[in-house]
């Protein structure tokens, strides 16, 4: 039987590290964290546990610890914005990817894309954009759209997200499939995202279906895990 035991000190460090990471992500400490003694009292843990948790967060760039200055959150903490709750207005989900389009071109249909877009011909429309909520790159998306149906996208206003982009081109959507996981960023992806090499990156495959239920687009999306927080509210 698998040993599921955990030392009390290890459990305390794990819990505090995740709690403090969540607090920093949500902006609870916008300028400076409390002192080690104050955190120990607030979370009812030994000061050594606080020190180890803060060191772990410092090692991944979430905060800095400087003698005489205290413990400060860094610019690497995530930028929180509503991504997955997707309230719909006029048939278009209302959330912003803060997109900056960097490429629109007709390209030969990649073999992998053809398998996911069976109605695509020899060529597809490729649209690539960066997600930049505060002039810092959070993610990059490369989407492939079926031609000739997607032809109006060439001159359409992108808006806040890919759904507003499709709506601006007069294209209706019936459904979306997501596959969400995590990958390690290779050198080229890390360079594009301005991220550390070999850092963890959120990876999505997105297939959007038109009003007839046929696949209209397939996208691959890489998002920096240290720059992104996802908010979702489920209704009972």
C-alpha atoms as a PDB file:
ATOM      1  CA  UNK A   1       0.000   0.000   0.000  1.00  0.00           C
ATOM      2  CA  UNK A   2       1.274   3.482  -0.863  1.00  0.00           C
ATOM      3  CA  UNK A   3       2.612   5.417   2.118  1.00  0.00           C
ATOM      4  CA  UNK A   4       0.490   8.597   2.364  1.00  0.00           C
ATOM      5  CA  UNK A   5       2.037   9.912   5.561  1.00  0.00           C
ATOM      6  CA  UNK A   6       3.570  13.392   5.757  1.00  0.00           C
ATOM      7  CA  UNK A   7       5.727  14.965   8.424  1.00  0.00           C
ATOM      8  CA  UNK A   8       3.928  17.673  10.391  1.00  0.00           C
ATOM      9  CA  UNK A   9       6.571  20.252   9.496  1.00  0.00           C
ATOM     10  CA  UNK A  10       6.358  19.420   5.793  1.00  0.00           C
ATOM     11  CA  UNK A  11       2.570  19.744   5.846  1.00  0.00           C
ATOM     12  CA  UNK A  12       2.760  23.105   7.600  1.00  0.00           C
ATOM     13  CA  UNK A  13       5.277  24.412   5.044  1.00  0.00           C
ATOM     14  CA  UNK A  14       3.162  23.177   2.145  1.00  0.00           C
ATOM     15  CA  UNK A  15      -0.030  24.756   3.492  1.00  0.00           C
ATOM     16  CA  UNK A  16       1.578  28.090   4.299  1.00  0.00           C
ATOM     17  CA  UNK A  17       3.402  28.306   0.968  1.00  0.00           C
ATOM     18  CA  UNK A  18       0.166  27.806  -0.969  1.00  0.00           C
ATOM     19  CA  UNK A  19      -1.838  30.147   1.287  1.00  0.00           C
ATOM     20  CA  UNK A  20       0.720  32.928   0.945  1.00  0.00           C
ATOM     21  CA  UNK A  21       0.969  32.389  -2.803  1.00  0.00           C
ATOM     22  CA  UNK A  22      -2.833  32.728  -3.045  1.00  0.00           C
ATOM     23  CA  UNK A  23      -2.774  35.868  -0.892  1.00  0.00           C
ATOM     24  CA  UNK A  24      -0.055  37.481  -3.004  1.00  0.00           C
ATOM     25  CA  UNK A  25      -1.848  36.507  -6.227  1.00  0.00           C
ATOM     26  CA  UNK A  26      -5.094  38.101  -5.017  1.00  0.00           C
ATOM     27  CA  UNK A  27      -3.308  41.317  -4.044  1.00  0.00           C
ATOM     28  CA  UNK A  28      -3.689  40.961  -0.272  1.00  0.00           C
ATOM     29  CA  UNK A  29      -0.150  42.298   0.138  1.00  0.00           C
ATOM     30  CA  UNK A  30       0.243  44.845  -2.672  1.00  0.00           C
ATOM     31  CA  UNK A  31       3.289  46.609  -1.246  1.00  0.00           C
ATOM     32  CA  UNK A  32       4.880  44.572   1.538  1.00  0.00           C
ATOM     33  CA  UNK A  33       4.238  41.352   3.426  1.00  0.00           C
ATOM     34  CA  UNK A  34       3.950  41.337   7.224  1.00  0.00           C
ATOM     35  CA  UNK A  35       7.068  40.489   9.214  1.00  0.00           C
ATOM     36  CA  UNK A  36       7.985  36.866   9.804  1.00  0.00           C
ATOM     37  CA  UNK A  37       6.791  37.134  13.410  1.00  0.00           C
ATOM     38  CA  UNK A  38       3.466  38.634  12.330  1.00  0.00           C
ATOM     39  CA  UNK A  39       2.930  35.886   9.755  1.00  0.00           C
ATOM     40  CA  UNK A  40       3.814  33.220  12.317  1.00  0.00           C
ATOM     41  CA  UNK A  41       1.178  34.606  14.677  1.00  0.00           C
ATOM     42  CA  UNK A  42      -1.437  35.105  11.939  1.00  0.00           C
ATOM     43  CA  UNK A  43      -1.092  31.550  10.606  1.00  0.00           C
ATOM     44  CA  UNK A  44      -0.286  29.864  13.936  1.00  0.00           C
ATOM     45  CA  UNK A  45       2.958  28.286  12.750  1.00  0.00           C
ATOM     46  CA  UNK A  46       6.573  28.426  13.955  1.00  0.00           C
ATOM     47  CA  UNK A  47       8.761  31.194  12.601  1.00  0.00           C
ATOM     48  CA  UNK A  48      10.963  28.577  10.900  1.00  0.00           C
ATOM     49  CA  UNK A  49       7.973  27.427   8.836  1.00  0.00           C
ATOM     50  CA  UNK A  50       7.337  31.034   7.758  1.00  0.00           C
ATOM     51  CA  UNK A  51      10.974  31.423   6.761  1.00  0.00           C
ATOM     52  CA  UNK A  52      10.931  28.234   4.687  1.00  0.00           C
ATOM     53  CA  UNK A  53       7.665  29.179   2.943  1.00  0.00           C
ATOM     54  CA  UNK A  54       8.929  32.653   2.075  1.00  0.00           C
ATOM     55  CA  UNK A  55      12.194  31.198   0.804  1.00  0.00           C
ATOM     56  CA  UNK A  56      10.263  28.805  -1.454  1.00  0.00           C
ATOM     57  CA  UNK A  57       8.231  31.708  -2.887  1.00  0.00           C
ATOM     58  CA  UNK A  58      11.381  33.770  -3.317  1.00  0.00           C
ATOM     59  CA  UNK A  59      13.041  30.923  -5.206  1.00  0.00           C
ATOM     60  CA  UNK A  60      10.263  30.978  -7.843  1.00  0.00           C
ATOM     61  CA  UNK A  61      10.283  34.768  -8.148  1.00  0.00           C
ATOM     62  CA  UNK A  62       6.959  35.546  -6.444  1.00  0.00           C
ATOM     63  CA  UNK A  63       8.595  37.768  -3.832  1.00  0.00           C
ATOM     64  CA  UNK A  64      11.944  39.217  -2.751  1.00  0.00           C
ATOM     65  CA  UNK A  65      13.459  39.296   0.727  1.00  0.00           C
ATOM     66  CA  UNK A  66      15.985  42.057   1.422  1.00  0.00           C
ATOM     67  CA  UNK A  67      17.545  42.834   4.774  1.00  0.00           C
ATOM     68  CA  UNK A  68      16.326  46.229   5.917  1.00  0.00           C
ATOM     69  CA  UNK A  69      13.596  46.334   3.247  1.00  0.00           C
ATOM     70  CA  UNK A  70      11.424  43.400   4.287  1.00  0.00           C
ATOM     71  CA  UNK A  71       9.516  40.958   2.073  1.00  0.00           C
ATOM     72  CA  UNK A  72       8.057  42.452  -1.101  1.00  0.00           C
ATOM     73  CA  UNK A  73       5.866  40.955  -3.857  1.00  0.00           C
ATOM     74  CA  UNK A  74       7.487  41.068  -7.282  1.00  0.00           C
ATOM     75  CA  UNK A  75       6.125  41.995 -10.693  1.00  0.00           C
ATOM     76  CA  UNK A  76       5.962  38.258 -11.461  1.00  0.00           C
ATOM     77  CA  UNK A  77       2.787  37.790  -9.444  1.00  0.00           C
ATOM     78  CA  UNK A  78      -0.176  36.935 -11.663  1.00  0.00           C
ATOM     79  CA  UNK A  79      -2.403  39.520 -13.292  1.00  0.00           C
ATOM     80  CA  UNK A  80      -5.923  38.451 -12.298  1.00  0.00           C
ATOM     81  CA  UNK A  81      -8.692  38.741 -14.857  1.00  0.00           C
ATOM     82  CA  UNK A  82     -11.923  36.917 -15.570  1.00  0.00           C
ATOM     83  CA  UNK A  83     -11.172  34.147 -18.047  1.00  0.00           C
ATOM     84  CA  UNK A  84     -13.514  31.214 -17.625  1.00  0.00           C
ATOM     85  CA  UNK A  85     -16.764  32.509 -16.098  1.00  0.00           C
ATOM     86  CA  UNK A  86     -17.683  33.821 -19.557  1.00  0.00           C
ATOM     87  CA  UNK A  87     -20.918  35.677 -18.902  1.00  0.00           C
ATOM     88  CA  UNK A  88     -22.615  35.935 -22.289  1.00  0.00           C
ATOM     89  CA  UNK A  89     -24.092  39.117 -23.710  1.00  0.00           C
ATOM     90  CA  UNK A  90     -25.600  39.147 -27.185  1.00  0.00           C
ATOM     91  CA  UNK A  91     -24.232  35.660 -27.772  1.00  0.00           C
ATOM     92  CA  UNK A  92     -20.622  36.740 -27.061  1.00  0.00           C
ATOM     93  CA  UNK A  93     -18.763  35.776 -23.844  1.00  0.00           C
ATOM     94  CA  UNK A  94     -17.724  38.898 -21.943  1.00  0.00           C
ATOM     95  CA  UNK A  95     -14.087  38.625 -20.909  1.00  0.00           C
ATOM     96  CA  UNK A  96     -10.928  40.273 -22.173  1.00  0.00           C
ATOM     97  CA  UNK A  97      -7.710  38.614 -23.274  1.00  0.00           C
ATOM     98  CA  UNK A  98      -6.264  42.120 -23.895  1.00  0.00           C
ATOM     99  CA  UNK A  99      -5.211  40.872 -27.338  1.00  0.00           C
ATOM    100  CA  UNK A 100      -2.564  42.281 -29.621  1.00  0.00           C
ATOM    101  CA  UNK A 101      -2.706  40.681 -33.077  1.00  0.00           C
ATOM    102  CA  UNK A 102       0.753  39.939 -34.475  1.00  0.00           C
ATOM    103  CA  UNK A 103      -0.014  37.867 -37.584  1.00  0.00           C
ATOM    104  CA  UNK A 104      -2.859  37.144 -40.013  1.00  0.00           C
ATOM    105  CA  UNK A 105      -1.948  35.026 -43.046  1.00  0.00           C
ATOM    106  CA  UNK A 106      -3.195  32.282 -45.353  1.00  0.00           C
ATOM    107  CA  UNK A 107      -1.015  29.193 -44.855  1.00  0.00           C
ATOM    108  CA  UNK A 108      -1.001  25.552 -45.969  1.00  0.00           C
ATOM    109  CA  UNK A 109      -3.133  23.495 -43.587  1.00  0.00           C
ATOM    110  CA  UNK A 110      -0.831  21.704 -41.105  1.00  0.00           C
ATOM    111  CA  UNK A 111      -1.471  17.963 -40.916  1.00  0.00           C
ATOM    112  CA  UNK A 112      -2.378  18.092 -37.220  1.00  0.00           C
ATOM    113  CA  UNK A 113      -4.817  20.971 -37.837  1.00  0.00           C
ATOM    114  CA  UNK A 114      -6.448  19.145 -40.768  1.00  0.00           C
ATOM    115  CA  UNK A 115      -7.255  16.244 -38.440  1.00  0.00           C
ATOM    116  CA  UNK A 116      -9.166  18.606 -36.146  1.00  0.00           C
ATOM    117  CA  UNK A 117     -10.756  20.695 -38.911  1.00  0.00           C
ATOM    118  CA  UNK A 118     -12.055  18.041 -41.339  1.00  0.00           C
ATOM    119  CA  UNK A 119     -13.854  20.633 -43.487  1.00  0.00           C
ATOM    120  CA  UNK A 120     -10.654  22.638 -44.050  1.00  0.00           C
ATOM    121  CA  UNK A 121      -9.158  22.640 -47.520  1.00  0.00           C
ATOM    122  CA  UNK A 122      -5.533  22.894 -48.532  1.00  0.00           C
ATOM    123  CA  UNK A 123      -5.210  26.301 -46.888  1.00  0.00           C
ATOM    124  CA  UNK A 124      -6.439  27.895 -43.649  1.00  0.00           C
ATOM    125  CA  UNK A 125      -6.381  31.393 -42.205  1.00  0.00           C
ATOM    126  CA  UNK A 126      -3.807  31.626 -39.405  1.00  0.00           C
ATOM    127  CA  UNK A 127      -4.370  34.317 -36.776  1.00  0.00           C
ATOM    128  CA  UNK A 128      -1.863  34.827 -33.982  1.00  0.00           C
ATOM    129  CA  UNK A 129      -2.122  37.198 -31.042  1.00  0.00           C
ATOM    130  CA  UNK A 130      -0.518  37.974 -27.714  1.00  0.00           C
ATOM    131  CA  UNK A 131      -2.416  38.458 -24.454  1.00  0.00           C
ATOM    132  CA  UNK A 132      -1.121  41.676 -22.836  1.00  0.00           C
ATOM    133  CA  UNK A 133      -3.262  42.996 -19.959  1.00  0.00           C
ATOM    134  CA  UNK A 134      -0.637  45.447 -18.687  1.00  0.00           C
ATOM    135  CA  UNK A 135       1.855  45.682 -21.567  1.00  0.00           C
ATOM    136  CA  UNK A 136       3.453  42.479 -20.291  1.00  0.00           C
ATOM    137  CA  UNK A 137       3.020  39.257 -22.265  1.00  0.00           C
ATOM    138  CA  UNK A 138       0.795  36.713 -20.533  1.00  0.00           C
ATOM    139  CA  UNK A 139       0.243  34.334 -23.432  1.00  0.00           C
ATOM    140  CA  UNK A 140       0.381  33.602 -27.124  1.00  0.00           C
ATOM    141  CA  UNK A 141      -2.382  32.039 -29.227  1.00  0.00           C
ATOM    142  CA  UNK A 142      -2.103  30.597 -32.722  1.00  0.00           C
ATOM    143  CA  UNK A 143      -5.478  29.925 -34.319  1.00  0.00           C
ATOM    144  CA  UNK A 144      -6.328  28.231 -37.628  1.00  0.00           C
ATOM    145  CA  UNK A 145      -9.688  29.053 -39.252  1.00  0.00           C
ATOM    146  CA  UNK A 146     -11.529  27.233 -42.037  1.00  0.00           C
ATOM    147  CA  UNK A 147     -11.606  29.014 -45.397  1.00  0.00           C
ATOM    148  CA  UNK A 148     -13.514  30.396 -47.184  1.00  0.00           C
ATOM    149  CA  UNK A 149     -15.945  30.736 -44.257  1.00  0.00           C
ATOM    150  CA  UNK A 150     -13.416  32.641 -42.159  1.00  0.00           C
ATOM    151  CA  UNK A 151     -12.504  35.073 -44.955  1.00  0.00           C
ATOM    152  CA  UNK A 152     -14.318  38.035 -43.234  1.00  0.00           C
ATOM    153  CA  UNK A 153     -11.914  37.746 -40.290  1.00  0.00           C
ATOM    154  CA  UNK A 154      -9.187  39.423 -42.347  1.00  0.00           C
ATOM    155  CA  UNK A 155     -10.806  42.828 -41.853  1.00  0.00           C
ATOM    156  CA  UNK A 156     -12.805  42.240 -38.658  1.00  0.00           C
ATOM    157  CA  UNK A 157     -12.112  44.072 -35.393  1.00  0.00           C
ATOM    158  CA  UNK A 158     -10.666  41.548 -32.951  1.00  0.00           C
ATOM    159  CA  UNK A 159     -12.306  43.072 -29.878  1.00  0.00           C
ATOM    160  CA  UNK A 160     -11.706  41.535 -26.450  1.00  0.00           C
ATOM    161  CA  UNK A 161     -11.501  37.837 -27.301  1.00  0.00           C
ATOM    162  CA  UNK A 162     -11.750  35.312 -30.122  1.00  0.00           C
ATOM    163  CA  UNK A 163     -15.558  35.161 -29.775  1.00  0.00           C
ATOM    164  CA  UNK A 164     -15.943  38.919 -30.282  1.00  0.00           C
ATOM    165  CA  UNK A 165     -13.591  38.527 -33.262  1.00  0.00           C
ATOM    166  CA  UNK A 166     -15.833  35.871 -34.816  1.00  0.00           C
ATOM    167  CA  UNK A 167     -18.978  37.896 -34.052  1.00  0.00           C
ATOM    168  CA  UNK A 168     -17.489  40.970 -35.757  1.00  0.00           C
ATOM    169  CA  UNK A 169     -17.028  38.826 -38.872  1.00  0.00           C
ATOM    170  CA  UNK A 170     -20.648  37.622 -38.725  1.00  0.00           C
ATOM    171  CA  UNK A 171     -19.686  34.082 -37.657  1.00  0.00           C
ATOM    172  CA  UNK A 172     -21.927  32.379 -35.090  1.00  0.00           C
ATOM    173  CA  UNK A 173     -20.620  29.839 -32.559  1.00  0.00           C
ATOM    174  CA  UNK A 174     -22.489  26.820 -31.210  1.00  0.00           C
ATOM    175  CA  UNK A 175     -19.897  25.187 -28.905  1.00  0.00           C
ATOM    176  CA  UNK A 176     -16.266  25.139 -27.791  1.00  0.00           C
ATOM    177  CA  UNK A 177     -14.015  22.278 -26.679  1.00  0.00           C
ATOM    178  CA  UNK A 178     -11.029  22.907 -24.393  1.00  0.00           C
ATOM    179  CA  UNK A 179      -8.161  20.616 -23.539  1.00  0.00           C
ATOM    180  CA  UNK A 180      -6.154  22.180 -20.692  1.00  0.00           C
ATOM    181  CA  UNK A 181      -2.860  21.005 -19.283  1.00  0.00           C
ATOM    182  CA  UNK A 182       0.645  22.158 -18.407  1.00  0.00           C
ATOM    183  CA  UNK A 183       3.933  21.954 -20.266  1.00  0.00           C
ATOM    184  CA  UNK A 184       7.536  23.011 -19.764  1.00  0.00           C
ATOM    185  CA  UNK A 185       8.450  25.994 -21.926  1.00  0.00           C
ATOM    186  CA  UNK A 186      11.171  25.316 -24.470  1.00  0.00           C
ATOM    187  CA  UNK A 187      13.660  28.014 -25.423  1.00  0.00           C
ATOM    188  CA  UNK A 188      11.616  29.526 -28.273  1.00  0.00           C
ATOM    189  CA  UNK A 189       8.355  29.628 -26.290  1.00  0.00           C
ATOM    190  CA  UNK A 190      10.101  31.046 -23.215  1.00  0.00           C
ATOM    191  CA  UNK A 191      11.612  33.767 -25.418  1.00  0.00           C
ATOM    192  CA  UNK A 192       8.212  34.659 -26.933  1.00  0.00           C
ATOM    193  CA  UNK A 193       6.573  34.817 -23.489  1.00  0.00           C
ATOM    194  CA  UNK A 194       9.528  36.607 -21.888  1.00  0.00           C
ATOM    195  CA  UNK A 195       9.547  33.759 -19.379  1.00  0.00           C
ATOM    196  CA  UNK A 196      12.294  31.765 -17.740  1.00  0.00           C
ATOM    197  CA  UNK A 197      13.516  28.779 -19.731  1.00  0.00           C
ATOM    198  CA  UNK A 198      11.970  25.489 -18.596  1.00  0.00           C
ATOM    199  CA  UNK A 199       9.263  27.296 -16.610  1.00  0.00           C
ATOM    200  CA  UNK A 200       5.806  25.757 -16.285  1.00  0.00           C
ATOM    201  CA  UNK A 201       3.283  27.059 -18.837  1.00  0.00           C
ATOM    202  CA  UNK A 202      -0.467  26.532 -19.091  1.00  0.00           C
ATOM    203  CA  UNK A 203      -1.250  24.890 -22.439  1.00  0.00           C
ATOM    204  CA  UNK A 204      -4.683  24.847 -24.099  1.00  0.00           C
ATOM    205  CA  UNK A 205      -6.130  23.336 -27.237  1.00  0.00           C
ATOM    206  CA  UNK A 206      -9.337  25.111 -28.280  1.00  0.00           C
ATOM    207  CA  UNK A 207     -11.774  23.938 -30.964  1.00  0.00           C
ATOM    208  CA  UNK A 208     -14.672  26.254 -31.827  1.00  0.00           C
ATOM    209  CA  UNK A 209     -17.725  24.988 -33.736  1.00  0.00           C
ATOM    210  CA  UNK A 210     -19.897  27.060 -36.062  1.00  0.00           C
ATOM    211  CA  UNK A 211     -23.689  27.337 -35.935  1.00  0.00           C
ATOM    212  CA  UNK A 212     -24.010  24.134 -37.994  1.00  0.00           C
ATOM    213  CA  UNK A 213     -21.900  22.205 -35.487  1.00  0.00           C
ATOM    214  CA  UNK A 214     -18.870  21.927 -37.792  1.00  0.00           C
ATOM    215  CA  UNK A 215     -15.361  22.746 -36.492  1.00  0.00           C
ATOM    216  CA  UNK A 216     -14.578  26.324 -37.478  1.00  0.00           C
ATOM    217  CA  UNK A 217     -11.230  26.904 -35.785  1.00  0.00           C
ATOM    218  CA  UNK A 218      -8.508  25.120 -33.883  1.00  0.00           C
ATOM    219  CA  UNK A 219      -6.060  27.018 -31.654  1.00  0.00           C
ATOM    220  CA  UNK A 220      -3.053  26.229 -29.503  1.00  0.00           C
ATOM    221  CA  UNK A 221      -2.546  28.622 -26.608  1.00  0.00           C
ATOM    222  CA  UNK A 222       0.359  28.962 -24.168  1.00  0.00           C
ATOM    223  CA  UNK A 223      -0.149  31.098 -21.058  1.00  0.00           C
ATOM    224  CA  UNK A 224       2.439  32.042 -18.436  1.00  0.00           C
ATOM    225  CA  UNK A 225       1.472  30.359 -15.185  1.00  0.00           C
ATOM    226  CA  UNK A 226       3.137  33.120 -13.146  1.00  0.00           C
ATOM    227  CA  UNK A 227       1.155  35.866 -14.913  1.00  0.00           C
ATOM    228  CA  UNK A 228      -2.310  34.361 -14.966  1.00  0.00           C
ATOM    229  CA  UNK A 229      -5.102  33.762 -12.500  1.00  0.00           C
ATOM    230  CA  UNK A 230      -8.364  32.217 -13.633  1.00  0.00           C
ATOM    231  CA  UNK A 231     -11.700  33.040 -12.007  1.00  0.00           C
ATOM    232  CA  UNK A 232     -14.733  30.806 -12.458  1.00  0.00           C
ATOM    233  CA  UNK A 233     -18.111  31.058 -10.701  1.00  0.00           C
ATOM    234  CA  UNK A 234     -20.389  28.024 -10.895  1.00  0.00           C
ATOM    235  CA  UNK A 235     -24.136  28.536 -10.475  1.00  0.00           C
ATOM    236  CA  UNK A 236     -26.092  25.955  -8.520  1.00  0.00           C
END
